[in-house]
Amino acid sequence: MKGQVILILNIFFALLSIGLGALSWLNPRYTLAALDLQAGDTSMGTSEIRASAGALFVGMGIGALILGTPTAYAMLGFCWLGAAVGRATSLMLDGQNRQKWTFFIVEAAVGVPAVLLNLY
């Protein structure tokens, strides 16, 4: 039973990564607005969102599903934790607001269990 719950959570975290990544990859303007960013005179801002907040997360989620190992799912968690660490750094150094805290909580809420469930 415990193994099934872990598998379901792992698949959920991978699908969440794919879903949120696809949103940023395919609709970067939405993500720019959600992150309180704006496109500049060049297309590099949109390109960065498509790559780093989009397709990167799609690739991480698909990779974890294809490999299907605890190590793959733990690595997915470490990636989310990396984002949480960056967000925490911003909260400490750049100022706090509700939006940053919300993103931090989501990132940590995926990263921590994904790592802990898969590092026996």
N, C-alpha and C. Protein backbone atom coordinates (compact mmCIF):
# COMPACT_ATOMS: atom_id res chain seq x y z
N MET A 1 0.82 -1.20 0.00
CA MET A 1 0.00 0.00 0.00
C MET A 1 0.86 1.26 0.00
N LYS A 2 1.89 1.26 0.88
CA LYS A 2 2.77 2.43 0.95
C LYS A 2 3.44 2.69 -0.40
N GLY A 3 3.88 1.63 -1.06
CA GLY A 3 4.52 1.76 -2.36
C GLY A 3 3.59 2.35 -3.40
N GLN A 4 2.30 1.99 -3.34
CA GLN A 4 1.33 2.53 -4.29
C GLN A 4 1.10 4.02 -4.06
N VAL A 5 1.05 4.42 -2.80
CA VAL A 5 0.86 5.84 -2.48
C VAL A 5 2.05 6.64 -2.98
N ILE A 6 3.25 6.12 -2.77
CA ILE A 6 4.46 6.82 -3.24
C ILE A 6 4.43 6.92 -4.77
N LEU A 7 4.06 5.84 -5.44
CA LEU A 7 4.00 5.86 -6.90
C LEU A 7 2.98 6.89 -7.39
N ILE A 8 1.82 6.93 -6.77
CA ILE A 8 0.79 7.91 -7.15
C ILE A 8 1.29 9.33 -6.94
N LEU A 9 1.93 9.59 -5.80
CA LEU A 9 2.48 10.93 -5.55
C LEU A 9 3.58 11.27 -6.55
N ASN A 10 4.45 10.32 -6.85
CA ASN A 10 5.51 10.56 -7.83
C ASN A 10 4.92 10.92 -9.19
N ILE A 11 3.94 10.17 -9.62
CA ILE A 11 3.30 10.45 -10.91
C ILE A 11 2.61 11.81 -10.86
N PHE A 12 1.96 12.12 -9.76
CA PHE A 12 1.31 13.43 -9.61
C PHE A 12 2.33 14.56 -9.73
N PHE A 13 3.46 14.44 -9.03
CA PHE A 13 4.48 15.49 -9.09
C PHE A 13 5.05 15.63 -10.50
N ALA A 14 5.25 14.50 -11.18
CA ALA A 14 5.75 14.55 -12.56
C ALA A 14 4.72 15.21 -13.48
N LEU A 15 3.46 14.84 -13.35
CA LEU A 15 2.41 15.43 -14.18
C LEU A 15 2.22 16.92 -13.87
N LEU A 16 2.35 17.28 -12.61
CA LEU A 16 2.28 18.70 -12.23
C LEU A 16 3.41 19.47 -12.90
N SER A 17 4.60 18.90 -12.88
CA SER A 17 5.75 19.54 -13.53
C SER A 17 5.48 19.71 -15.02
N ILE A 18 4.97 18.67 -15.65
CA ILE A 18 4.68 18.72 -17.08
C ILE A 18 3.60 19.75 -17.37
N GLY A 19 2.54 19.74 -16.58
CA GLY A 19 1.42 20.67 -16.80
C GLY A 19 1.82 22.12 -16.63
N LEU A 20 2.48 22.44 -15.52
CA LEU A 20 2.90 23.82 -15.29
C LEU A 20 3.97 24.23 -16.30
N GLY A 21 4.85 23.30 -16.63
CA GLY A 21 5.87 23.60 -17.63
C GLY A 21 5.26 23.86 -18.99
N ALA A 22 4.28 23.04 -19.38
CA ALA A 22 3.62 23.22 -20.67
C ALA A 22 2.92 24.58 -20.74
N LEU A 23 2.33 24.99 -19.64
CA LEU A 23 1.67 26.30 -19.60
C LEU A 23 2.67 27.41 -19.90
N SER A 24 3.83 27.37 -19.27
CA SER A 24 4.84 28.39 -19.49
C SER A 24 5.47 28.28 -20.88
N TRP A 25 5.68 27.07 -21.33
CA TRP A 25 6.29 26.82 -22.64
C TRP A 25 5.39 27.31 -23.76
N LEU A 26 4.10 26.99 -23.67
CA LEU A 26 3.18 27.28 -24.76
C LEU A 26 2.45 28.61 -24.62
N ASN A 27 2.46 29.19 -23.42
CA ASN A 27 1.80 30.47 -23.20
C ASN A 27 2.68 31.34 -22.31
N PRO A 28 3.84 31.74 -22.82
CA PRO A 28 4.78 32.49 -21.98
C PRO A 28 4.25 33.85 -21.53
N ARG A 29 3.37 34.45 -22.28
CA ARG A 29 2.82 35.75 -21.87
C ARG A 29 2.00 35.62 -20.59
N TYR A 30 1.27 34.51 -20.45
CA TYR A 30 0.54 34.26 -19.21
C TYR A 30 1.52 34.16 -18.03
N THR A 31 2.59 33.41 -18.23
CA THR A 31 3.58 33.22 -17.17
C THR A 31 4.27 34.53 -16.84
N LEU A 32 4.61 35.31 -17.86
CA LEU A 32 5.21 36.62 -17.61
C LEU A 32 4.29 37.46 -16.71
N ALA A 33 3.01 37.46 -17.03
CA ALA A 33 2.05 38.24 -16.22
C ALA A 33 1.93 37.67 -14.82
N ALA A 34 1.88 36.34 -14.70
CA ALA A 34 1.75 35.71 -13.38
C ALA A 34 2.95 35.98 -12.50
N LEU A 35 4.12 36.14 -13.13
CA LEU A 35 5.35 36.40 -12.39
C LEU A 35 5.65 37.89 -12.26
N ASP A 36 4.71 38.71 -12.70
CA ASP A 36 4.87 40.16 -12.65
C ASP A 36 6.09 40.62 -13.46
N LEU A 37 6.25 39.99 -14.63
CA LEU A 37 7.33 40.34 -15.54
C LEU A 37 6.71 40.87 -16.83
N GLN A 38 7.54 41.45 -17.68
CA GLN A 38 7.04 41.89 -18.97
C GLN A 38 8.09 41.65 -20.03
N ALA A 39 7.60 41.40 -21.24
CA ALA A 39 8.51 41.19 -22.36
C ALA A 39 9.19 42.51 -22.69
N GLY A 40 10.44 42.42 -23.13
CA GLY A 40 11.20 43.61 -23.47
C GLY A 40 11.20 43.88 -24.97
N ASP A 41 12.17 44.66 -25.39
CA ASP A 41 12.28 45.02 -26.80
C ASP A 41 12.70 43.85 -27.67
N THR A 42 13.31 42.84 -27.07
CA THR A 42 13.68 41.64 -27.82
C THR A 42 12.80 40.49 -27.37
N SER A 43 12.93 39.38 -28.01
CA SER A 43 12.12 38.21 -27.63
C SER A 43 12.83 37.33 -26.61
N MET A 44 13.93 37.79 -26.04
CA MET A 44 14.69 36.96 -25.10
C MET A 44 13.93 36.66 -23.81
N GLY A 45 13.13 37.60 -23.31
CA GLY A 45 12.36 37.34 -22.10
C GLY A 45 11.37 36.21 -22.31
N THR A 46 10.66 36.25 -23.42
CA THR A 46 9.71 35.20 -23.76
C THR A 46 10.44 33.88 -23.98
N SER A 47 11.58 33.95 -24.64
CA SER A 47 12.38 32.76 -24.89
C SER A 47 12.84 32.13 -23.57
N GLU A 48 13.25 32.94 -22.63
CA GLU A 48 13.72 32.44 -21.33
C GLU A 48 12.59 31.77 -20.57
N ILE A 49 11.41 32.35 -20.59
CA ILE A 49 10.25 31.74 -19.92
C ILE A 49 9.93 30.39 -20.57
N ARG A 50 9.90 30.36 -21.91
CA ARG A 50 9.61 29.10 -22.61
C ARG A 50 10.62 28.01 -22.21
N ALA A 51 11.89 28.42 -22.07
CA ALA A 51 12.95 27.45 -21.78
C ALA A 51 13.01 27.09 -20.30
N SER A 52 13.24 28.09 -19.43
CA SER A 52 13.55 27.79 -18.03
C SER A 52 12.33 27.52 -17.16
N ALA A 53 11.21 28.14 -17.45
CA ALA A 53 10.00 27.89 -16.66
C ALA A 53 9.04 26.97 -17.39
N GLY A 54 9.38 26.64 -18.63
CA GLY A 54 8.49 25.85 -19.44
C GLY A 54 9.02 24.48 -19.80
N ALA A 55 9.70 24.42 -20.94
CA ALA A 55 10.13 23.14 -21.48
C ALA A 55 11.08 22.39 -20.53
N LEU A 56 11.85 23.11 -19.73
CA LEU A 56 12.71 22.45 -18.76
C LEU A 56 11.89 21.58 -17.81
N PHE A 57 10.78 22.12 -17.30
CA PHE A 57 9.94 21.37 -16.38
C PHE A 57 9.20 20.23 -17.09
N VAL A 58 8.83 20.46 -18.35
CA VAL A 58 8.22 19.38 -19.13
C VAL A 58 9.21 18.24 -19.27
N GLY A 59 10.44 18.56 -19.63
CA GLY A 59 11.47 17.54 -19.78
C GLY A 59 11.76 16.80 -18.48
N MET A 60 11.80 17.54 -17.37
CA MET A 60 12.04 16.90 -16.07
C MET A 60 10.93 15.90 -15.75
N GLY A 61 9.69 16.32 -15.94
CA GLY A 61 8.56 15.44 -15.63
C GLY A 61 8.50 14.22 -16.53
N ILE A 62 8.69 14.44 -17.83
CA ILE A 62 8.68 13.31 -18.76
C ILE A 62 9.84 12.36 -18.46
N GLY A 63 11.00 12.91 -18.20
CA GLY A 63 12.16 12.07 -17.87
C GLY A 63 11.91 11.22 -16.65
N ALA A 64 11.32 11.82 -15.61
CA ALA A 64 11.03 11.06 -14.39
C ALA A 64 10.04 9.94 -14.67
N LEU A 65 9.02 10.23 -15.49
CA LEU A 65 8.04 9.19 -15.82
C LEU A 65 8.66 8.07 -16.66
N ILE A 66 9.50 8.43 -17.62
CA ILE A 66 10.13 7.40 -18.47
C ILE A 66 11.07 6.53 -17.65
N LEU A 67 11.92 7.16 -16.84
CA LEU A 67 12.86 6.38 -16.04
C LEU A 67 12.15 5.62 -14.93
N GLY A 68 11.19 6.28 -14.30
CA GLY A 68 10.36 5.61 -13.30
C GLY A 68 11.07 5.09 -12.08
N THR A 69 12.24 5.59 -11.79
CA THR A 69 13.00 5.11 -10.63
C THR A 69 12.89 6.11 -9.48
N PRO A 70 13.10 5.64 -8.26
CA PRO A 70 13.12 6.58 -7.14
C PRO A 70 14.15 7.70 -7.34
N THR A 71 15.29 7.37 -7.92
CA THR A 71 16.32 8.39 -8.16
C THR A 71 15.81 9.46 -9.12
N ALA A 72 15.10 9.06 -10.15
CA ALA A 72 14.56 10.02 -11.12
C ALA A 72 13.54 10.94 -10.44
N TYR A 73 12.66 10.37 -9.64
CA TYR A 73 11.65 11.18 -8.94
C TYR A 73 12.30 12.07 -7.87
N ALA A 74 13.33 11.57 -7.21
CA ALA A 74 14.06 12.40 -6.25
C ALA A 74 14.72 13.58 -6.95
N MET A 75 15.29 13.33 -8.13
CA MET A 75 15.92 14.42 -8.88
C MET A 75 14.89 15.47 -9.27
N LEU A 76 13.70 15.04 -9.63
CA LEU A 76 12.62 15.98 -9.91
C LEU A 76 12.38 16.85 -8.68
N GLY A 77 12.37 16.22 -7.51
CA GLY A 77 12.20 16.96 -6.26
C GLY A 77 13.34 17.93 -6.01
N PHE A 78 14.57 17.50 -6.28
CA PHE A 78 15.71 18.40 -6.10
C PHE A 78 15.61 19.62 -7.00
N CYS A 79 15.10 19.43 -8.20
CA CYS A 79 14.92 20.57 -9.11
C CYS A 79 13.91 21.56 -8.53
N TRP A 80 12.80 21.05 -8.04
CA TRP A 80 11.81 21.92 -7.41
C TRP A 80 12.39 22.60 -6.16
N LEU A 81 13.20 21.86 -5.39
CA LEU A 81 13.84 22.45 -4.22
C LEU A 81 14.83 23.55 -4.62
N GLY A 82 15.51 23.35 -5.74
CA GLY A 82 16.39 24.41 -6.25
C GLY A 82 15.63 25.69 -6.51
N ALA A 83 14.45 25.54 -7.11
CA ALA A 83 13.61 26.72 -7.34
C ALA A 83 13.19 27.35 -6.01
N ALA A 84 12.85 26.50 -5.04
CA ALA A 84 12.46 27.02 -3.72
C ALA A 84 13.60 27.76 -3.04
N VAL A 85 14.82 27.27 -3.18
CA VAL A 85 15.98 27.95 -2.60
C VAL A 85 16.18 29.31 -3.27
N GLY A 86 16.05 29.35 -4.58
CA GLY A 86 16.15 30.64 -5.27
C GLY A 86 15.07 31.61 -4.82
N ARG A 87 13.87 31.09 -4.64
CA ARG A 87 12.76 31.94 -4.20
C ARG A 87 13.01 32.41 -2.76
N ALA A 88 13.49 31.53 -1.89
CA ALA A 88 13.78 31.92 -0.51
C ALA A 88 14.86 32.99 -0.47
N THR A 89 15.85 32.85 -1.33
CA THR A 89 16.90 33.87 -1.42
C THR A 89 16.30 35.21 -1.79
N SER A 90 15.39 35.20 -2.76
CA SER A 90 14.73 36.44 -3.15
C SER A 90 13.89 37.01 -2.01
N LEU A 91 13.21 36.14 -1.28
CA LEU A 91 12.41 36.61 -0.14
C LEU A 91 13.29 37.32 0.89
N MET A 92 14.49 36.80 1.11
CA MET A 92 15.39 37.38 2.10
C MET A 92 16.09 38.64 1.58
N LEU A 93 16.50 38.63 0.32
CA LEU A 93 17.35 39.71 -0.19
C LEU A 93 16.61 40.77 -1.00
N ASP A 94 15.50 40.39 -1.62
CA ASP A 94 14.83 41.31 -2.55
C ASP A 94 13.51 41.84 -2.02
N GLY A 95 13.09 41.38 -0.87
CA GLY A 95 11.82 41.83 -0.31
C GLY A 95 10.77 40.73 -0.41
N GLN A 96 9.77 40.86 0.43
CA GLN A 96 8.73 39.84 0.53
C GLN A 96 7.40 40.36 0.00
N ASN A 97 6.66 39.46 -0.60
CA ASN A 97 5.27 39.74 -0.94
C ASN A 97 4.52 38.42 -1.01
N ARG A 98 3.24 38.51 -1.07
CA ARG A 98 2.38 37.32 -1.05
C ARG A 98 2.65 36.40 -2.24
N GLN A 99 2.89 36.98 -3.40
CA GLN A 99 3.12 36.20 -4.61
C GLN A 99 4.39 35.34 -4.48
N LYS A 100 5.46 35.93 -3.97
CA LYS A 100 6.70 35.16 -3.77
C LYS A 100 6.49 34.04 -2.78
N TRP A 101 5.77 34.33 -1.70
CA TRP A 101 5.52 33.29 -0.70
C TRP A 101 4.68 32.16 -1.28
N THR A 102 3.70 32.49 -2.11
CA THR A 102 2.88 31.46 -2.73
C THR A 102 3.71 30.54 -3.61
N PHE A 103 4.56 31.13 -4.45
CA PHE A 103 5.42 30.32 -5.31
C PHE A 103 6.39 29.48 -4.49
N PHE A 104 6.96 30.07 -3.44
CA PHE A 104 7.87 29.33 -2.58
C PHE A 104 7.17 28.12 -1.95
N ILE A 105 5.98 28.32 -1.45
CA ILE A 105 5.24 27.23 -0.80
C ILE A 105 4.96 26.10 -1.78
N VAL A 106 4.55 26.45 -2.99
CA VAL A 106 4.30 25.41 -4.01
C VAL A 106 5.59 24.66 -4.34
N GLU A 107 6.66 25.40 -4.57
CA GLU A 107 7.94 24.77 -4.92
C GLU A 107 8.42 23.83 -3.81
N ALA A 108 8.34 24.29 -2.57
CA ALA A 108 8.76 23.46 -1.45
C ALA A 108 7.80 22.28 -1.23
N ALA A 109 6.51 22.51 -1.46
CA ALA A 109 5.51 21.46 -1.26
C ALA A 109 5.65 20.33 -2.27
N VAL A 110 6.24 20.60 -3.42
CA VAL A 110 6.54 19.54 -4.38
C VAL A 110 7.93 18.97 -4.09
N GLY A 111 8.90 19.84 -3.88
CA GLY A 111 10.29 19.40 -3.74
C GLY A 111 10.56 18.54 -2.52
N VAL A 112 10.11 18.98 -1.36
CA VAL A 112 10.40 18.24 -0.13
C VAL A 112 9.85 16.82 -0.16
N PRO A 113 8.55 16.63 -0.43
CA PRO A 113 8.07 15.24 -0.43
C PRO A 113 8.66 14.40 -1.56
N ALA A 114 8.89 15.00 -2.73
CA ALA A 114 9.46 14.22 -3.83
C ALA A 114 10.85 13.70 -3.47
N VAL A 115 11.60 14.48 -2.74
CA VAL A 115 12.92 14.02 -2.30
C VAL A 115 12.78 13.00 -1.17
N LEU A 116 12.03 13.33 -0.15
CA LEU A 116 11.93 12.45 1.02
C LEU A 116 11.29 11.11 0.71
N LEU A 117 10.31 11.09 -0.18
CA LEU A 117 9.65 9.83 -0.52
C LEU A 117 10.55 8.88 -1.30
N ASN A 118 11.56 9.44 -1.95
CA ASN A 118 12.36 8.63 -2.87
C ASN A 118 13.80 8.40 -2.42
N LEU A 119 14.19 8.95 -1.34
CA LEU A 119 15.52 8.67 -0.77
C LEU A 119 15.31 7.82 0.47
N TYR A 120 15.32 6.55 0.30
CA TYR A 120 15.05 5.63 1.42
C TYR A 120 16.20 5.57 2.36
